[in-house]
Protein backbone atom coordinates (compact mmCIF):
# COMPACT_ATOMS: atom_id res chain seq x y z
CA MET A 1 -27.90 -23.19 163.33
CA THR A 2 -30.38 -26.01 162.68
CA ASN A 3 -29.64 -29.17 160.73
CA THR A 4 -33.04 -29.65 159.11
CA VAL A 5 -32.98 -32.22 156.31
CA ILE A 6 -36.72 -32.97 156.21
CA SER A 7 -39.55 -30.52 156.71
CA SER A 8 -41.82 -30.55 159.74
CA GLU A 9 -44.84 -31.28 157.54
CA GLN A 10 -43.07 -34.22 155.90
CA VAL A 11 -42.34 -35.72 159.31
CA LEU A 12 -45.96 -35.33 160.42
CA GLU A 13 -47.22 -36.71 157.11
CA GLN A 14 -45.19 -39.90 157.58
CA LEU A 15 -46.24 -40.27 161.21
CA ARG A 16 -49.87 -39.95 160.15
CA TRP A 17 -49.21 -42.54 157.43
CA ARG A 18 -47.78 -44.99 159.94
CA TYR A 19 -50.06 -47.55 161.56
CA ALA A 20 -49.64 -50.90 163.28
CA THR A 21 -49.69 -53.00 160.14
CA LYS A 22 -52.05 -55.94 160.47
CA LYS A 23 -51.28 -57.57 157.12
CA PHE A 24 -47.93 -57.53 155.35
CA ASP A 25 -47.24 -58.34 151.72
CA PRO A 26 -44.81 -61.30 151.93
CA SER A 27 -43.65 -60.68 148.35
CA LYS A 28 -42.26 -57.23 149.16
CA LYS A 29 -38.82 -57.17 150.76
CA ILE A 30 -36.87 -54.33 152.32
CA SER A 31 -33.67 -53.62 150.39
CA ASP A 32 -30.37 -54.34 152.12
CA PRO A 33 -29.26 -50.66 152.22
CA LEU A 34 -32.60 -49.58 153.69
CA TRP A 35 -32.55 -52.36 156.26
CA HIS A 36 -29.01 -51.39 157.23
CA THR A 37 -30.24 -47.85 157.90
CA LEU A 38 -33.00 -49.20 160.14
CA LEU A 39 -30.50 -51.32 162.06
CA GLU A 40 -28.26 -48.29 162.50
CA SER A 41 -31.23 -46.43 163.99
CA LEU A 42 -31.36 -49.12 166.68
CA VAL A 43 -27.64 -48.83 167.39
CA LEU A 44 -28.01 -45.05 167.65
CA ALA A 45 -30.95 -45.23 170.06
CA PRO A 46 -30.46 -43.51 173.43
CA SER A 47 -30.40 -45.43 176.70
CA SER A 48 -29.92 -44.58 180.37
CA PHE A 49 -26.23 -43.77 180.99
CA GLY A 50 -25.73 -44.81 177.36
CA LEU A 51 -25.27 -48.34 178.73
CA GLN A 52 -27.21 -50.12 175.93
CA PRO A 53 -28.47 -53.06 178.01
CA TRP A 54 -29.95 -54.84 175.01
CA LYS A 55 -29.47 -56.80 171.83
CA PHE A 56 -31.59 -56.93 168.70
CA PHE A 57 -32.17 -60.22 166.92
CA VAL A 58 -33.21 -60.38 163.27
CA ILE A 59 -35.01 -63.61 162.38
CA ASN A 60 -34.30 -64.44 158.73
CA ASN A 61 -35.13 -68.14 158.77
CA GLN A 62 -38.64 -68.45 157.33
CA GLN A 63 -39.29 -71.77 159.07
CA LEU A 64 -38.49 -70.17 162.40
CA LYS A 65 -40.78 -67.24 161.61
CA GLU A 66 -43.61 -69.65 160.80
CA GLN A 67 -42.96 -71.55 164.02
CA LEU A 68 -43.18 -68.33 166.04
CA VAL A 69 -46.68 -67.48 164.77
CA GLU A 70 -48.16 -70.01 167.21
CA HIS A 71 -46.44 -68.20 170.06
CA SER A 72 -47.52 -64.76 168.83
CA TRP A 73 -51.25 -65.17 169.42
CA GLY A 74 -51.55 -66.41 165.85
CA GLN A 75 -50.51 -63.08 164.37
CA LYS A 76 -49.33 -63.79 160.82
CA GLN A 77 -47.36 -60.56 160.61
CA VAL A 78 -44.53 -62.45 162.27
CA ALA A 79 -44.19 -64.78 159.27
CA ASP A 80 -45.33 -62.48 156.44
CA ALA A 81 -43.25 -59.38 157.16
CA SER A 82 -40.03 -58.85 155.24
CA HIS A 83 -38.00 -58.84 158.45
CA LEU A 84 -38.79 -59.97 161.99
CA LEU A 85 -37.07 -58.00 164.73
CA VAL A 86 -36.90 -59.28 168.30
CA LEU A 87 -35.79 -56.73 170.90
CA ALA A 88 -34.21 -58.31 173.97
CA ILE A 89 -32.62 -57.28 177.24
CA LYS A 90 -29.45 -58.57 178.82
CA LEU A 91 -30.15 -60.96 181.68
CA GLU A 92 -27.10 -59.81 183.60
CA ILE A 93 -26.05 -56.18 183.96
CA GLY A 94 -23.22 -55.71 186.43
CA GLU A 95 -19.72 -54.39 186.90
CA ALA A 96 -18.31 -56.33 183.93
CA GLU A 97 -20.82 -54.72 181.58
CA VAL A 98 -20.09 -51.28 183.00
CA ASP A 99 -16.34 -51.80 182.64
CA HIS A 100 -16.82 -52.82 179.01
CA TYR A 101 -18.84 -49.67 178.37
CA ILE A 102 -16.29 -47.44 180.10
CA GLN A 103 -13.51 -48.97 178.02
CA SER A 104 -15.50 -48.20 174.87
CA ILE A 105 -15.94 -44.57 175.92
CA ALA A 106 -12.22 -44.22 176.62
CA GLN A 107 -11.28 -45.72 173.26
CA ILE A 108 -13.80 -43.79 171.15
CA ARG A 109 -13.36 -40.43 172.87
CA GLY A 110 -9.63 -40.70 173.43
CA THR A 111 -9.70 -40.36 177.18
CA SER A 112 -8.37 -42.46 180.06
CA ILE A 113 -10.14 -44.99 182.23
CA GLU A 114 -9.03 -42.97 185.27
CA GLN A 115 -10.85 -39.88 184.03
CA LEU A 116 -14.04 -41.91 183.75
CA GLU A 117 -13.80 -43.45 187.21
CA GLY A 118 -16.43 -41.15 188.71
CA PHE A 119 -18.92 -41.95 185.94
CA SER A 120 -18.19 -45.64 186.33
CA LYS A 121 -18.86 -45.51 190.08
CA THR A 122 -22.12 -43.66 189.49
CA ILE A 123 -23.43 -46.35 187.13
CA LYS A 124 -22.28 -49.20 189.38
CA GLY A 125 -23.87 -47.50 192.38
CA PHE A 126 -27.15 -47.18 190.51
CA LEU A 127 -27.13 -50.82 189.43
CA SER A 128 -26.32 -52.06 192.95
CA ASN A 129 -29.33 -50.31 194.48
CA PRO A 130 -31.35 -53.09 196.18
CA ASN A 131 -34.58 -51.28 195.33
CA LEU A 132 -33.86 -51.33 191.60
CA ASP A 133 -35.77 -53.84 189.50
CA ILE A 134 -33.10 -54.44 186.86
CA LYS A 135 -35.39 -56.34 184.50
CA GLN A 136 -38.03 -53.63 184.58
CA TRP A 137 -35.42 -50.91 184.08
CA THR A 138 -33.76 -52.60 181.11
CA SER A 139 -37.15 -53.39 179.56
CA LYS A 140 -38.02 -49.69 179.60
CA GLN A 141 -34.81 -48.97 177.72
CA VAL A 142 -35.86 -51.32 174.93
CA TYR A 143 -39.07 -49.35 174.40
CA ILE A 144 -36.94 -46.27 173.68
CA ALA A 145 -35.08 -48.19 170.98
CA LEU A 146 -38.33 -49.45 169.50
CA GLY A 147 -39.69 -45.91 169.29
CA GLN A 148 -36.64 -44.70 167.40
CA PHE A 149 -36.76 -47.70 165.06
CA MET A 150 -40.46 -47.20 164.25
CA THR A 151 -40.09 -43.47 163.67
CA THR A 152 -37.14 -44.04 161.34
CA ALA A 153 -39.12 -46.71 159.48
CA ALA A 154 -42.10 -44.39 159.06
CA ILE A 155 -39.94 -41.59 157.68
CA LEU A 156 -38.45 -44.06 155.20
CA GLY A 157 -41.86 -45.37 154.15
CA VAL A 158 -41.45 -48.77 155.80
CA ASP A 159 -44.26 -50.41 157.77
CA THR A 160 -43.96 -51.83 161.27
CA CYS A 161 -46.14 -53.59 163.82
CA PRO A 162 -44.94 -53.31 167.44
CA MET A 163 -46.03 -56.35 169.41
CA GLU A 164 -46.21 -57.28 173.07
CA GLY A 165 -48.65 -60.04 172.18
CA PHE A 166 -46.30 -62.99 172.18
CA ASN A 167 -44.92 -65.59 174.57
CA PRO A 168 -41.45 -64.40 175.59
CA ALA A 169 -40.56 -67.71 177.24
CA LYS A 170 -41.27 -69.65 174.04
CA TYR A 171 -39.40 -67.10 171.92
CA ASP A 172 -36.42 -67.37 174.26
CA GLU A 173 -36.54 -71.15 174.02
CA ILE A 174 -36.96 -71.41 170.25
CA LEU A 175 -34.39 -68.73 169.43
CA GLY A 176 -31.95 -69.85 172.14
CA LEU A 177 -31.88 -66.41 173.71
CA THR A 178 -31.57 -67.52 177.33
CA ALA A 179 -28.40 -69.48 176.56
CA LYS A 180 -27.02 -66.31 174.98
CA GLY A 181 -27.84 -64.28 178.09
CA TYR A 182 -30.88 -62.42 176.77
CA HIS A 183 -34.65 -62.24 177.26
CA SER A 184 -37.14 -61.12 174.61
CA VAL A 185 -39.28 -58.09 175.47
CA LEU A 186 -40.77 -56.85 172.19
CA VAL A 187 -41.32 -58.06 168.65
CA CYS A 188 -41.56 -55.82 165.59
CA PRO A 189 -42.42 -57.31 162.19
CA THR A 190 -41.19 -54.87 159.52
CA GLY A 191 -41.93 -54.66 155.81
CA TYR A 192 -44.64 -53.36 153.51
CA ARG A 193 -48.40 -53.36 153.99
CA ALA A 194 -50.60 -55.59 151.85
CA GLU A 195 -52.82 -53.73 149.41
CA ASP A 196 -55.92 -55.40 150.85
CA ASP A 197 -55.18 -54.50 154.49
CA LYS A 198 -58.32 -52.53 155.27
CA ASN A 199 -56.72 -51.17 158.44
CA ALA A 200 -54.36 -49.03 156.35
CA SER A 201 -57.21 -46.75 155.24
CA LEU A 202 -58.81 -46.29 158.65
CA ALA A 203 -58.63 -42.81 160.11
CA LYS A 204 -56.10 -42.53 162.94
CA VAL A 205 -57.90 -42.03 166.26
CA ARG A 206 -56.04 -39.68 168.56
CA PHE A 207 -57.23 -37.22 171.17
CA PRO A 208 -56.64 -33.60 170.12
CA LEU A 209 -53.36 -31.92 171.00
CA GLU A 210 -55.16 -29.48 173.31
CA GLU A 211 -56.39 -32.40 175.39
CA MET A 212 -53.09 -34.25 175.52
CA ILE A 213 -50.63 -31.38 176.00
CA GLU A 214 -50.65 -28.99 178.95
CA ASN A 215 -48.22 -26.14 179.39
CA ILE A 216 -47.39 -25.41 183.02
């Protein structure tokens, strides 16, 4: 039994509608209930082991947003969008973080810590691998969350602009992320496109499905 609440064509229509918004209308704001849904989509995003090695920072202070434009290659979306989302990774992922996660599983699923010992050892063994680049691994997890957030936004008719074009070190400094134990990886201004953003009407350029998908 499927749980279809939106048609396939509606999904595709919204994904075709979505684009990396170059100009936001600063007068249009996302409603609180809608924004809450978008935040929940981040919380519900999948991650390796379910460990959630991240935190998402919402920049509401307009002065801060204006200050960050300089460190975002001058991209005004950062200041003009209704909401500015900064996706960050935890600087430290170790046994303490795993133990906290295992405790959460036990509490939510009504099981014992002892029953989860094998899973706990598996995660800790993975994280202790000397060949593992922890920062690279956690950064990849954040991209998964961004994808879910952007897809949810598109389905809800909300515009986004995923950005790697910013100075993470300056963001960390200005927002005090390092002191909190985090490092910025991605930025995603979110809101509503300006009516005079000519990019909104440009045809989406994608290679055909037959060229991009191969059945083996």
